[in-house]
PDB file of N, CA and C in Angstrom:
ATOM      1  N   MET A   1      29.924 -44.466  -0.472  1.00  0.00           N
ATOM      2  CA  MET A   1      28.958 -44.327   0.593  1.00  0.00           C
ATOM      3  C   MET A   1      27.635 -44.989   0.224  1.00  0.00           C
ATOM      4  N   ILE A   2      27.137 -44.690  -0.961  1.00  0.00           N
ATOM      5  CA  ILE A   2      25.842 -45.241  -1.380  1.00  0.00           C
ATOM      6  C   ILE A   2      25.911 -46.752  -1.431  1.00  0.00           C
ATOM      7  N   ASN A   3      27.003 -47.304  -1.953  1.00  0.00           N
ATOM      8  CA  ASN A   3      27.132 -48.759  -2.019  1.00  0.00           C
ATOM      9  C   ASN A   3      27.187 -49.384  -0.634  1.00  0.00           C
ATOM     10  N   ILE A   4      27.853 -48.737   0.294  1.00  0.00           N
ATOM     11  CA  ILE A   4      27.899 -49.247   1.675  1.00  0.00           C
ATOM     12  C   ILE A   4      26.477 -49.308   2.241  1.00  0.00           C
ATOM     13  N   LEU A   5      25.727 -48.241   2.050  1.00  0.00           N
ATOM     14  CA  LEU A   5      24.349 -48.204   2.554  1.00  0.00           C
ATOM     15  C   LEU A   5      23.480 -49.246   1.869  1.00  0.00           C
ATOM     16  N   ARG A   6      23.680 -49.446   0.576  1.00  0.00           N
ATOM     17  CA  ARG A   6      22.903 -50.469  -0.143  1.00  0.00           C
ATOM     18  C   ARG A   6      23.207 -51.864   0.401  1.00  0.00           C
ATOM     19  N   VAL A   7      24.490 -52.178   0.556  1.00  0.00           N
ATOM     20  CA  VAL A   7      24.898 -53.494   1.050  1.00  0.00           C
ATOM     21  C   VAL A   7      24.334 -53.746   2.443  1.00  0.00           C
ATOM     22  N   ARG A   8      24.293 -52.724   3.261  1.00  0.00           N
ATOM     23  CA  ARG A   8      23.767 -52.871   4.620  1.00  0.00           C
ATOM     24  C   ARG A   8      22.238 -52.918   4.645  1.00  0.00           C
ATOM     25  N   GLY A   9      21.602 -52.665   3.506  1.00  0.00           N
ATOM     26  CA  GLY A   9      20.142 -52.684   3.446  1.00  0.00           C
ATOM     27  C   GLY A   9      19.504 -51.408   3.963  1.00  0.00           C
ATOM     28  N   ALA A  10      20.307 -50.390   4.220  1.00  0.00           N
ATOM     29  CA  ALA A  10      19.793 -49.147   4.804  1.00  0.00           C
ATOM     30  C   ALA A  10      18.940 -48.351   3.829  1.00  0.00           C
ATOM     31  N   LEU A  11      19.093 -48.604   2.539  1.00  0.00           N
ATOM     32  CA  LEU A  11      18.345 -47.822   1.542  1.00  0.00           C
ATOM     33  C   LEU A  11      17.046 -48.496   1.121  1.00  0.00           C
ATOM     34  N   ARG A  12      16.748 -49.642   1.721  1.00  0.00           N
ATOM     35  CA  ARG A  12      15.517 -50.347   1.383  1.00  0.00           C
ATOM     36  C   ARG A  12      14.316 -49.436   1.638  1.00  0.00           C
ATOM     37  N   GLY A  13      13.523 -49.220   0.599  1.00  0.00           N
ATOM     38  CA  GLY A  13      12.354 -48.358   0.725  1.00  0.00           C
ATOM     39  C   GLY A  13      12.631 -46.893   0.440  1.00  0.00           C
ATOM     40  N   TRP A  14      13.875 -46.559   0.155  1.00  0.00           N
ATOM     41  CA  TRP A  14      14.267 -45.177  -0.140  1.00  0.00           C
ATOM     42  C   TRP A  14      14.798 -45.093  -1.565  1.00  0.00           C
ATOM     43  N   ASN A  15      14.598 -43.988  -2.214  1.00  0.00           N
ATOM     44  CA  ASN A  15      15.135 -43.754  -3.559  1.00  0.00           C
ATOM     45  C   ASN A  15      16.339 -42.828  -3.473  1.00  0.00           C
ATOM     46  N   VAL A  16      17.389 -43.190  -4.184  1.00  0.00           N
ATOM     47  CA  VAL A  16      18.564 -42.337  -4.302  1.00  0.00           C
ATOM     48  C   VAL A  16      18.494 -41.711  -5.689  1.00  0.00           C
ATOM     49  N   VAL A  17      18.519 -40.378  -5.734  1.00  0.00           N
ATOM     50  CA  VAL A  17      18.363 -39.662  -7.002  1.00  0.00           C
ATOM     51  C   VAL A  17      19.609 -38.820  -7.259  1.00  0.00           C
ATOM     52  N   PRO A  18      20.495 -39.292  -8.135  1.00  0.00           N
ATOM     53  CA  PRO A  18      21.653 -38.464  -8.485  1.00  0.00           C
ATOM     54  C   PRO A  18      21.219 -37.325  -9.390  1.00  0.00           C
ATOM     55  N   PHE A  19      21.914 -36.204  -9.285  1.00  0.00           N
ATOM     56  CA  PHE A  19      21.528 -35.075 -10.129  1.00  0.00           C
ATOM     57  C   PHE A  19      22.712 -34.464 -10.864  1.00  0.00           C
ATOM     58  N   ILE A  20      23.749 -35.248 -11.041  1.00  0.00           N
ATOM     59  CA  ILE A  20      24.912 -34.795 -11.794  1.00  0.00           C
ATOM     60  C   ILE A  20      24.519 -34.652 -13.270  1.00  0.00           C
ATOM     61  N   ASN A  21      25.005 -33.599 -13.891  1.00  0.00           N
ATOM     62  CA  ASN A  21      24.755 -33.320 -15.312  1.00  0.00           C
ATOM     63  C   ASN A  21      23.276 -33.114 -15.639  1.00  0.00           C
ATOM     64  N   ARG A  22      22.533 -32.573 -14.695  1.00  0.00           N
ATOM     65  CA  ARG A  22      21.134 -32.219 -14.951  1.00  0.00           C
ATOM     66  C   ARG A  22      21.005 -30.703 -14.932  1.00  0.00           C
ATOM     67  N   PRO A  23      20.029 -30.162 -15.636  1.00  0.00           N
ATOM     68  CA  PRO A  23      19.846 -28.704 -15.633  1.00  0.00           C
ATOM     69  C   PRO A  23      19.540 -28.188 -14.226  1.00  0.00           C
ATOM     70  N   GLN A  24      19.948 -26.964 -13.959  1.00  0.00           N
ATOM     71  CA  GLN A  24      19.779 -26.368 -12.638  1.00  0.00           C
ATOM     72  C   GLN A  24      18.327 -26.401 -12.179  1.00  0.00           C
ATOM     73  N   SER A  25      17.389 -26.131 -13.078  1.00  0.00           N
ATOM     74  CA  SER A  25      15.970 -26.143 -12.694  1.00  0.00           C
ATOM     75  C   SER A  25      15.529 -27.533 -12.249  1.00  0.00           C
ATOM     76  N   GLU A  26      16.076 -28.548 -12.884  1.00  0.00           N
ATOM     77  CA  GLU A  26      15.745 -29.926 -12.498  1.00  0.00           C
ATOM     78  C   GLU A  26      16.360 -30.269 -11.146  1.00  0.00           C
ATOM     79  N   VAL A  27      17.578 -29.802 -10.918  1.00  0.00           N
ATOM     80  CA  VAL A  27      18.242 -30.040  -9.629  1.00  0.00           C
ATOM     81  C   VAL A  27      17.439 -29.386  -8.510  1.00  0.00           C
ATOM     82  N   ALA A  28      16.994 -28.166  -8.719  1.00  0.00           N
ATOM     83  CA  ALA A  28      16.187 -27.469  -7.704  1.00  0.00           C
ATOM     84  C   ALA A  28      14.909 -28.242  -7.421  1.00  0.00           C
ATOM     85  N   SER A  29      14.275 -28.759  -8.440  1.00  0.00           N
ATOM     86  CA  SER A  29      13.049 -29.535  -8.270  1.00  0.00           C
ATOM     87  C   SER A  29      13.316 -30.813  -7.473  1.00  0.00           C
ATOM     88  N   ILE A  30      14.411 -31.486  -7.791  1.00  0.00           N
ATOM     89  CA  ILE A  30      14.779 -32.712  -7.071  1.00  0.00           C
ATOM     90  C   ILE A  30      15.017 -32.392  -5.600  1.00  0.00           C
ATOM     91  N   MET A  31      15.754 -31.312  -5.330  1.00  0.00           N
ATOM     92  CA  MET A  31      16.049 -30.949  -3.938  1.00  0.00           C
ATOM     93  C   MET A  31      14.771 -30.620  -3.168  1.00  0.00           C
ATOM     94  N   LYS A  32      13.840 -29.934  -3.793  1.00  0.00           N
ATOM     95  CA  LYS A  32      12.596 -29.571  -3.116  1.00  0.00           C
ATOM     96  C   LYS A  32      11.752 -30.786  -2.779  1.00  0.00           C
ATOM     97  N   GLU A  33      11.923 -31.870  -3.528  1.00  0.00           N
ATOM     98  CA  GLU A  33      11.165 -33.095  -3.292  1.00  0.00           C
ATOM     99  C   GLU A  33      11.909 -34.082  -2.399  1.00  0.00           C
ATOM    100  N   SER A  34      13.164 -33.774  -2.073  1.00  0.00           N
ATOM    101  CA  SER A  34      14.009 -34.723  -1.342  1.00  0.00           C
ATOM    102  C   SER A  34      13.981 -34.486   0.163  1.00  0.00           C
ATOM    103  N   LEU A  35      14.123 -35.560   0.882  1.00  0.00           N
ATOM    104  CA  LEU A  35      14.214 -35.492   2.339  1.00  0.00           C
ATOM    105  C   LEU A  35      15.650 -35.188   2.769  1.00  0.00           C
ATOM    106  N   ILE A  36      16.603 -35.868   2.143  1.00  0.00           N
ATOM    107  CA  ILE A  36      17.998 -35.815   2.587  1.00  0.00           C
ATOM    108  C   ILE A  36      18.910 -35.448   1.424  1.00  0.00           C
ATOM    109  N   PHE A  37      19.931 -34.676   1.729  1.00  0.00           N
ATOM    110  CA  PHE A  37      20.993 -34.372   0.782  1.00  0.00           C
ATOM    111  C   PHE A  37      22.295 -34.832   1.419  1.00  0.00           C
ATOM    112  N   LEU A  38      23.062 -35.634   0.703  1.00  0.00           N
ATOM    113  CA  LEU A  38      24.352 -36.092   1.204  1.00  0.00           C
ATOM    114  C   LEU A  38      25.436 -35.176   0.658  1.00  0.00           C
ATOM    115  N   SER A  39      26.128 -34.518   1.561  1.00  0.00           N
ATOM    116  CA  SER A  39      27.175 -33.576   1.192  1.00  0.00           C
ATOM    117  C   SER A  39      28.528 -34.254   1.320  1.00  0.00           C
ATOM    118  N   PHE A  40      29.110 -34.561   0.186  1.00  0.00           N
ATOM    119  CA  PHE A  40      30.407 -35.218   0.200  1.00  0.00           C
ATOM    120  C   PHE A  40      31.533 -34.209   0.309  1.00  0.00           C
ATOM    121  N   GLY A  41      31.167 -32.940   0.349  1.00  0.00           N
ATOM    122  CA  GLY A  41      32.105 -31.865   0.618  1.00  0.00           C
ATOM    123  C   GLY A  41      33.206 -31.737  -0.414  1.00  0.00           C
ATOM    124  N   TYR A  42      33.651 -30.539  -0.566  1.00  0.00           N
ATOM    125  CA  TYR A  42      34.763 -30.230  -1.439  1.00  0.00           C
ATOM    126  C   TYR A  42      35.253 -28.865  -0.981  1.00  0.00           C
ATOM    127  N   PRO A  43      36.549 -28.741  -0.737  1.00  0.00           N
ATOM    128  CA  PRO A  43      37.047 -27.441  -0.288  1.00  0.00           C
ATOM    129  C   PRO A  43      36.732 -26.361  -1.326  1.00  0.00           C
ATOM    130  N   GLU A  44      35.757 -25.547  -1.024  1.00  0.00           N
ATOM    131  CA  GLU A  44      35.365 -24.491  -1.940  1.00  0.00           C
ATOM    132  C   GLU A  44      35.038 -23.237  -1.149  1.00  0.00           C
ATOM    133  N   GLY A  45      34.742 -22.190  -1.834  1.00  0.00           N
ATOM    134  CA  GLY A  45      34.535 -20.901  -1.201  1.00  0.00           C
ATOM    135  C   GLY A  45      33.313 -20.804  -0.315  1.00  0.00           C
ATOM    136  N   PHE A  46      32.267 -21.560  -0.591  1.00  0.00           N
ATOM    137  CA  PHE A  46      31.054 -21.375   0.193  1.00  0.00           C
ATOM    138  C   PHE A  46      30.333 -22.680   0.544  1.00  0.00           C
ATOM    139  N   GLY A  47      30.426 -23.694  -0.231  1.00  0.00           N
ATOM    140  CA  GLY A  47      29.670 -24.919   0.027  1.00  0.00           C
ATOM    141  C   GLY A  47      28.269 -24.819  -0.551  1.00  0.00           C
ATOM    142  N   LEU A  48      28.181 -24.298  -1.749  1.00  0.00           N
ATOM    143  CA  LEU A  48      26.898 -23.987  -2.369  1.00  0.00           C
ATOM    144  C   LEU A  48      25.927 -25.166  -2.459  1.00  0.00           C
ATOM    145  N   PRO A  49      26.346 -26.377  -2.853  1.00  0.00           N
ATOM    146  CA  PRO A  49      25.359 -27.462  -2.952  1.00  0.00           C
ATOM    147  C   PRO A  49      24.628 -27.736  -1.634  1.00  0.00           C
ATOM    148  N   ALA A  50      25.364 -27.790  -0.534  1.00  0.00           N
ATOM    149  CA  ALA A  50      24.724 -28.029   0.764  1.00  0.00           C
ATOM    150  C   ALA A  50      23.826 -26.862   1.154  1.00  0.00           C
ATOM    151  N   ALA A  51      24.273 -25.646   0.873  1.00  0.00           N
ATOM    152  CA  ALA A  51      23.465 -24.455   1.181  1.00  0.00           C
ATOM    153  C   ALA A  51      22.163 -24.470   0.386  1.00  0.00           C
ATOM    154  N   GLU A  52      22.247 -24.801  -0.891  1.00  0.00           N
ATOM    155  CA  GLU A  52      21.043 -24.873  -1.725  1.00  0.00           C
ATOM    156  C   GLU A  52      20.096 -25.962  -1.227  1.00  0.00           C
ATOM    157  N   ALA A  53      20.670 -27.091  -0.833  1.00  0.00           N
ATOM    158  CA  ALA A  53      19.840 -28.183  -0.318  1.00  0.00           C
ATOM    159  C   ALA A  53      19.117 -27.767   0.957  1.00  0.00           C
ATOM    160  N   MET A  54      19.814 -27.087   1.857  1.00  0.00           N
ATOM    161  CA  MET A  54      19.168 -26.600   3.078  1.00  0.00           C
ATOM    162  C   MET A  54      18.070 -25.604   2.746  1.00  0.00           C
ATOM    163  N   ALA A  55      18.346 -24.705   1.815  1.00  0.00           N
ATOM    164  CA  ALA A  55      17.348 -23.712   1.419  1.00  0.00           C
ATOM    165  C   ALA A  55      16.100 -24.379   0.846  1.00  0.00           C
ATOM    166  N   CYS A  56      16.272 -25.547   0.243  1.00  0.00           N
ATOM    167  CA  CYS A  56      15.143 -26.303  -0.323  1.00  0.00           C
ATOM    168  C   CYS A  56      14.446 -27.170   0.718  1.00  0.00           C
ATOM    169  N   GLY A  57      14.981 -27.197   1.939  1.00  0.00           N
ATOM    170  CA  GLY A  57      14.347 -27.959   3.006  1.00  0.00           C
ATOM    171  C   GLY A  57      14.852 -29.367   3.193  1.00  0.00           C
ATOM    172  N   CYS A  58      16.029 -29.669   2.669  1.00  0.00           N
ATOM    173  CA  CYS A  58      16.605 -31.012   2.857  1.00  0.00           C
ATOM    174  C   CYS A  58      17.321 -31.104   4.204  1.00  0.00           C
ATOM    175  N   LEU A  59      17.299 -32.293   4.780  1.00  0.00           N
ATOM    176  CA  LEU A  59      18.208 -32.600   5.873  1.00  0.00           C
ATOM    177  C   LEU A  59      19.561 -32.836   5.217  1.00  0.00           C
ATOM    178  N   VAL A  60      20.577 -32.119   5.640  1.00  0.00           N
ATOM    179  CA  VAL A  60      21.886 -32.253   5.023  1.00  0.00           C
ATOM    180  C   VAL A  60      22.792 -33.016   5.970  1.00  0.00           C
ATOM    181  N   ILE A  61      23.395 -34.072   5.425  1.00  0.00           N
ATOM    182  CA  ILE A  61      24.313 -34.923   6.179  1.00  0.00           C
ATOM    183  C   ILE A  61      25.633 -34.933   5.428  1.00  0.00           C
ATOM    184  N   GLY A  62      26.734 -34.697   6.133  1.00  0.00           N
ATOM    185  CA  GLY A  62      28.034 -34.833   5.490  1.00  0.00           C
ATOM    186  C   GLY A  62      29.039 -33.773   5.860  1.00  0.00           C
ATOM    187  N   ASP A  63      29.985 -33.602   4.971  1.00  0.00           N
ATOM    188  CA  ASP A  63      31.111 -32.694   5.161  1.00  0.00           C
ATOM    189  C   ASP A  63      30.755 -31.305   4.648  1.00  0.00           C
ATOM    190  N   HIS A  64      31.130 -30.282   5.382  1.00  0.00           N
ATOM    191  CA  HIS A  64      30.802 -28.905   5.014  1.00  0.00           C
ATOM    192  C   HIS A  64      31.743 -28.318   3.970  1.00  0.00           C
ATOM    193  N   GLY A  65      32.819 -28.990   3.661  1.00  0.00           N
ATOM    194  CA  GLY A  65      33.716 -28.509   2.614  1.00  0.00           C
ATOM    195  C   GLY A  65      34.585 -27.331   3.011  1.00  0.00           C
ATOM    196  N   GLY A  66      34.664 -27.038   4.270  1.00  0.00           N
ATOM    197  CA  GLY A  66      35.518 -25.939   4.742  1.00  0.00           C
ATOM    198  C   GLY A  66      34.714 -24.758   5.217  1.00  0.00           C
ATOM    199  N   THR A  67      34.452 -23.826   4.330  1.00  0.00           N
ATOM    200  CA  THR A  67      33.766 -22.610   4.750  1.00  0.00           C
ATOM    201  C   THR A  67      32.287 -22.821   5.026  1.00  0.00           C
ATOM    202  N   GLY A  68      31.729 -23.936   4.611  1.00  0.00           N
ATOM    203  CA  GLY A  68      30.327 -24.226   4.890  1.00  0.00           C
ATOM    204  C   GLY A  68      30.041 -24.409   6.364  1.00  0.00           C
ATOM    205  N   ARG A  69      31.076 -24.455   7.179  1.00  0.00           N
ATOM    206  CA  ARG A  69      30.843 -24.639   8.623  1.00  0.00           C
ATOM    207  C   ARG A  69      30.035 -23.486   9.208  1.00  0.00           C
ATOM    208  N   GLU A  70      30.003 -22.334   8.534  1.00  0.00           N
ATOM    209  CA  GLU A  70      29.235 -21.193   9.054  1.00  0.00           C
ATOM    210  C   GLU A  70      27.730 -21.454   9.013  1.00  0.00           C
ATOM    211  N   PHE A  71      27.262 -22.344   8.164  1.00  0.00           N
ATOM    212  CA  PHE A  71      25.830 -22.658   8.111  1.00  0.00           C
ATOM    213  C   PHE A  71      25.532 -24.122   8.394  1.00  0.00           C
ATOM    214  N   PHE A  72      26.542 -24.943   8.459  1.00  0.00           N
ATOM    215  CA  PHE A  72      26.367 -26.386   8.695  1.00  0.00           C
ATOM    216  C   PHE A  72      26.231 -26.608  10.200  1.00  0.00           C
ATOM    217  N   LYS A  73      25.128 -26.154  10.750  1.00  0.00           N
ATOM    218  CA  LYS A  73      24.920 -26.142  12.193  1.00  0.00           C
ATOM    219  C   LYS A  73      24.238 -27.433  12.651  1.00  0.00           C
ATOM    220  N   PRO A  74      24.714 -28.019  13.748  1.00  0.00           N
ATOM    221  CA  PRO A  74      24.157 -29.296  14.210  1.00  0.00           C
ATOM    222  C   PRO A  74      22.695 -29.223  14.644  1.00  0.00           C
ATOM    223  N   GLU A  75      22.173 -28.026  14.886  1.00  0.00           N
ATOM    224  CA  GLU A  75      20.759 -27.956  15.263  1.00  0.00           C
ATOM    225  C   GLU A  75      19.831 -28.218  14.074  1.00  0.00           C
ATOM    226  N   PHE A  76      20.363 -28.120  12.848  1.00  0.00           N
ATOM    227  CA  PHE A  76      19.508 -28.433  11.704  1.00  0.00           C
ATOM    228  C   PHE A  76      20.245 -29.139  10.566  1.00  0.00           C
ATOM    229  N   SER A  77      21.406 -29.704  10.858  1.00  0.00           N
ATOM    230  CA  SER A  77      22.122 -30.523   9.877  1.00  0.00           C
ATOM    231  C   SER A  77      22.939 -31.564  10.634  1.00  0.00           C
ATOM    232  N   PHE A  78      23.612 -32.399   9.891  1.00  0.00           N
ATOM    233  CA  PHE A  78      24.417 -33.460  10.495  1.00  0.00           C
ATOM    234  C   PHE A  78      25.842 -33.363   9.962  1.00  0.00           C
ATOM    235  N   PRO A  79      26.664 -32.480  10.567  1.00  0.00           N
ATOM    236  CA  PRO A  79      28.044 -32.342  10.090  1.00  0.00           C
ATOM    237  C   PRO A  79      28.867 -33.587  10.435  1.00  0.00           C
ATOM    238  N   ILE A  80      29.644 -34.035   9.469  1.00  0.00           N
ATOM    239  CA  ILE A  80      30.515 -35.201   9.627  1.00  0.00           C
ATOM    240  C   ILE A  80      31.948 -34.732   9.386  1.00  0.00           C
ATOM    241  N   GLN A  81      32.876 -35.227  10.183  1.00  0.00           N
ATOM    242  CA  GLN A  81      34.282 -34.868  10.003  1.00  0.00           C
ATOM    243  C   GLN A  81      34.810 -35.408   8.677  1.00  0.00           C
ATOM    244  N   VAL A  82      35.669 -34.652   8.058  1.00  0.00           N
ATOM    245  CA  VAL A  82      36.284 -35.066   6.796  1.00  0.00           C
ATOM    246  C   VAL A  82      36.916 -36.445   6.957  1.00  0.00           C
ATOM    247  N   GLY A  83      36.610 -37.336   6.053  1.00  0.00           N
ATOM    248  CA  GLY A  83      37.201 -38.672   6.052  1.00  0.00           C
ATOM    249  C   GLY A  83      36.520 -39.682   6.957  1.00  0.00           C
ATOM    250  N   ASP A  84      35.544 -39.280   7.729  1.00  0.00           N
ATOM    251  CA  ASP A  84      34.862 -40.210   8.636  1.00  0.00           C
ATOM    252  C   ASP A  84      33.736 -40.929   7.888  1.00  0.00           C
ATOM    253  N   ILE A  85      34.130 -41.845   7.027  1.00  0.00           N
ATOM    254  CA  ILE A  85      33.167 -42.580   6.206  1.00  0.00           C
ATOM    255  C   ILE A  85      32.243 -43.426   7.078  1.00  0.00           C
ATOM    256  N   VAL A  86      32.781 -44.045   8.117  1.00  0.00           N
ATOM    257  CA  VAL A  86      31.968 -44.875   9.005  1.00  0.00           C
ATOM    258  C   VAL A  86      30.928 -44.009   9.714  1.00  0.00           C
ATOM    259  N   GLY A  87      31.338 -42.870  10.241  1.00  0.00           N
ATOM    260  CA  GLY A  87      30.405 -41.967  10.900  1.00  0.00           C
ATOM    261  C   GLY A  87      29.362 -41.425   9.947  1.00  0.00           C
ATOM    262  N   PHE A  88      29.776 -41.138   8.736  1.00  0.00           N
ATOM    263  CA  PHE A  88      28.866 -40.654   7.697  1.00  0.00           C
ATOM    264  C   PHE A  88      27.788 -41.710   7.443  1.00  0.00           C
ATOM    265  N   GLY A  89      28.222 -42.930   7.188  1.00  0.00           N
ATOM    266  CA  GLY A  89      27.277 -44.019   6.923  1.00  0.00           C
ATOM    267  C   GLY A  89      26.348 -44.282   8.091  1.00  0.00           C
ATOM    268  N   ARG A  90      26.899 -44.292   9.281  1.00  0.00           N
ATOM    269  CA  ARG A  90      26.063 -44.533  10.474  1.00  0.00           C
ATOM    270  C   ARG A  90      25.010 -43.436  10.647  1.00  0.00           C
ATOM    271  N   THR A  91      25.410 -42.202  10.397  1.00  0.00           N
ATOM    272  CA  THR A  91      24.465 -41.088  10.547  1.00  0.00           C
ATOM    273  C   THR A  91      23.342 -41.191   9.524  1.00  0.00           C
ATOM    274  N   VAL A  92      23.692 -41.454   8.276  1.00  0.00           N
ATOM    275  CA  VAL A  92      22.653 -41.611   7.248  1.00  0.00           C
ATOM    276  C   VAL A  92      21.721 -42.753   7.620  1.00  0.00           C
ATOM    277  N   GLU A  93      22.289 -43.862   8.003  1.00  0.00           N
ATOM    278  CA  GLU A  93      21.480 -45.029   8.370  1.00  0.00           C
ATOM    279  C   GLU A  93      20.567 -44.716   9.559  1.00  0.00           C
ATOM    280  N   GLU A  94      21.076 -44.017  10.544  1.00  0.00           N
ATOM    281  CA  GLU A  94      20.269 -43.663  11.714  1.00  0.00           C
ATOM    282  C   GLU A  94      19.089 -42.771  11.328  1.00  0.00           C
ATOM    283  N   VAL A  95      19.351 -41.769  10.499  1.00  0.00           N
ATOM    284  CA  VAL A  95      18.266 -40.879  10.076  1.00  0.00           C
ATOM    285  C   VAL A  95      17.213 -41.665   9.296  1.00  0.00           C
ATOM    286  N   LEU A  96      17.665 -42.521   8.387  1.00  0.00           N
ATOM    287  CA  LEU A  96      16.713 -43.298   7.584  1.00  0.00           C
ATOM    288  C   LEU A  96      15.881 -44.252   8.436  1.00  0.00           C
ATOM    289  N   THR A  97      16.512 -44.887   9.410  1.00  0.00           N
ATOM    290  CA  THR A  97      15.786 -45.875  10.216  1.00  0.00           C
ATOM    291  C   THR A  97      14.925 -45.241  11.301  1.00  0.00           C
ATOM    292  N   THR A  98      15.222 -44.008  11.685  1.00  0.00           N
ATOM    293  CA  THR A  98      14.432 -43.362  12.741  1.00  0.00           C
ATOM    294  C   THR A  98      13.459 -42.329  12.190  1.00  0.00           C
ATOM    295  N   TYR A  99      13.472 -42.107  10.892  1.00  0.00           N
ATOM    296  CA  TYR A  99      12.659 -41.038  10.316  1.00  0.00           C
ATOM    297  C   TYR A  99      11.180 -41.177  10.662  1.00  0.00           C
ATOM    298  N   ASP A 100      10.621 -42.349  10.484  1.00  0.00           N
ATOM    299  CA  ASP A 100       9.184 -42.510  10.747  1.00  0.00           C
ATOM    300  C   ASP A 100       8.829 -42.199  12.200  1.00  0.00           C
ATOM    301  N   ASP A 101       9.660 -42.653  13.133  1.00  0.00           N
ATOM    302  CA  ASP A 101       9.391 -42.426  14.553  1.00  0.00           C
ATOM    303  C   ASP A 101       9.686 -40.996  15.002  1.00  0.00           C
ATOM    304  N   GLN A 102      10.593 -40.323  14.289  1.00  0.00           N
ATOM    305  CA  GLN A 102      11.000 -38.974  14.690  1.00  0.00           C
ATOM    306  C   GLN A 102      10.685 -37.943  13.603  1.00  0.00           C
ATOM    307  N   ARG A 103       9.667 -38.218  12.841  1.00  0.00           N
ATOM    308  CA  ARG A 103       9.308 -37.355  11.706  1.00  0.00           C
ATOM    309  C   ARG A 103       9.157 -35.891  12.127  1.00  0.00           C
ATOM    310  N   GLY A 104       8.473 -35.634  13.227  1.00  0.00           N
ATOM    311  CA  GLY A 104       8.265 -34.253  13.678  1.00  0.00           C
ATOM    312  C   GLY A 104       9.583 -33.535  13.941  1.00  0.00           C
ATOM    313  N   HIS A 105      10.503 -34.217  14.595  1.00  0.00           N
ATOM    314  CA  HIS A 105      11.826 -33.649  14.879  1.00  0.00           C
ATOM    315  C   HIS A 105      12.558 -33.317  13.584  1.00  0.00           C
ATOM    316  N   TYR A 106      12.586 -34.255  12.661  1.00  0.00           N
ATOM    317  CA  TYR A 106      13.300 -34.042  11.403  1.00  0.00           C
ATOM    318  C   TYR A 106      12.629 -32.953  10.563  1.00  0.00           C
ATOM    319  N   GLU A 107      11.324 -32.892  10.600  1.00  0.00           N
ATOM    320  CA  GLU A 107      10.624 -31.842   9.845  1.00  0.00           C
ATOM    321  C   GLU A 107      10.938 -30.460  10.430  1.00  0.00           C
ATOM    322  N   ARG A 108      11.048 -30.368  11.746  1.00  0.00           N
ATOM    323  CA  ARG A 108      11.438 -29.093  12.364  1.00  0.00           C
ATOM    324  C   ARG A 108      12.864 -28.709  11.956  1.00  0.00           C
ATOM    325  N   MET A 109      13.752 -29.697  11.896  1.00  0.00           N
ATOM    326  CA  MET A 109      15.123 -29.427  11.457  1.00  0.00           C
ATOM    327  C   MET A 109      15.134 -28.898  10.027  1.00  0.00           C
ATOM    328  N   ARG A 110      14.367 -29.537   9.154  1.00  0.00           N
ATOM    329  CA  ARG A 110      14.303 -29.113   7.749  1.00  0.00           C
ATOM    330  C   ARG A 110      13.798 -27.679   7.642  1.00  0.00           C
ATOM    331  N   LYS A 111      12.747 -27.391   8.374  1.00  0.00           N
ATOM    332  CA  LYS A 111      12.165 -26.044   8.336  1.00  0.00           C
ATOM    333  C   LYS A 111      13.147 -25.017   8.901  1.00  0.00           C
ATOM    334  N   SER A 112      13.817 -25.355   9.989  1.00  0.00           N
ATOM    335  CA  SER A 112      14.801 -24.442  10.592  1.00  0.00           C
ATOM    336  C   SER A 112      15.951 -24.157   9.636  1.00  0.00           C
ATOM    337  N   ALA A 113      16.414 -25.180   8.943  1.00  0.00           N
ATOM    338  CA  ALA A 113      17.511 -24.993   7.988  1.00  0.00           C
ATOM    339  C   ALA A 113      17.082 -24.060   6.868  1.00  0.00           C
ATOM    340  N   ALA A 114      15.910 -24.305   6.310  1.00  0.00           N
ATOM    341  CA  ALA A 114      15.420 -23.463   5.204  1.00  0.00           C
ATOM    342  C   ALA A 114      15.228 -22.017   5.669  1.00  0.00           C
ATOM    343  N   GLN A 115      14.688 -21.836   6.858  1.00  0.00           N
ATOM    344  CA  GLN A 115      14.490 -20.481   7.379  1.00  0.00           C
ATOM    345  C   GLN A 115      15.821 -19.782   7.628  1.00  0.00           C
ATOM    346  N   PHE A 116      16.769 -20.504   8.203  1.00  0.00           N
ATOM    347  CA  PHE A 116      18.089 -19.925   8.464  1.00  0.00           C
ATOM    348  C   PHE A 116      18.734 -19.485   7.158  1.00  0.00           C
ATOM    349  N   MET A 117      18.701 -20.339   6.142  1.00  0.00           N
ATOM    350  CA  MET A 117      19.316 -20.001   4.864  1.00  0.00           C
ATOM    351  C   MET A 117      18.629 -18.799   4.230  1.00  0.00           C
ATOM    352  N   SER A 118      17.309 -18.746   4.322  1.00  0.00           N
ATOM    353  CA  SER A 118      16.555 -17.640   3.743  1.00  0.00           C
ATOM    354  C   SER A 118      16.876 -16.323   4.453  1.00  0.00           C
ATOM    355  N   ARG A 119      16.930 -16.350   5.768  1.00  0.00           N
ATOM    356  CA  ARG A 119      17.216 -15.132   6.539  1.00  0.00           C
ATOM    357  C   ARG A 119      18.670 -14.676   6.380  1.00  0.00           C
ATOM    358  N   THR A 120      19.582 -15.641   6.330  1.00  0.00           N
ATOM    359  CA  THR A 120      21.005 -15.315   6.381  1.00  0.00           C
ATOM    360  C   THR A 120      21.597 -15.020   5.013  1.00  0.00           C
ATOM    361  N   TYR A 121      21.122 -15.705   3.992  1.00  0.00           N
ATOM    362  CA  TYR A 121      21.736 -15.546   2.664  1.00  0.00           C
ATOM    363  C   TYR A 121      20.705 -15.097   1.663  1.00  0.00           C
TER     364      TYR A 121
END
């Protein structure tokens, strides 16, 4: 996904920050500073990475991993069907290219996601 976005030039001006093999405190800090979290999904019991990202105020785009559908709500996230790589890429690209013009909308989504996660979990 990241390579597709790079080749298309969609990541120009944006930083991609991987957080694999980093301490939990560092991951939390990265999420709190990030605009978007890409959820590549994995069939698991809860979908913790996406939930944590929402709680930190990230716009979450991607697959809910199964049970994450209970919080992966379209009013404050961008759920993508499993295997829809083209749709995933298009959605990320759309958010990145429209962010400046729709900043208020996206900021409300981020705040709504964080509030929902805080109230619900």
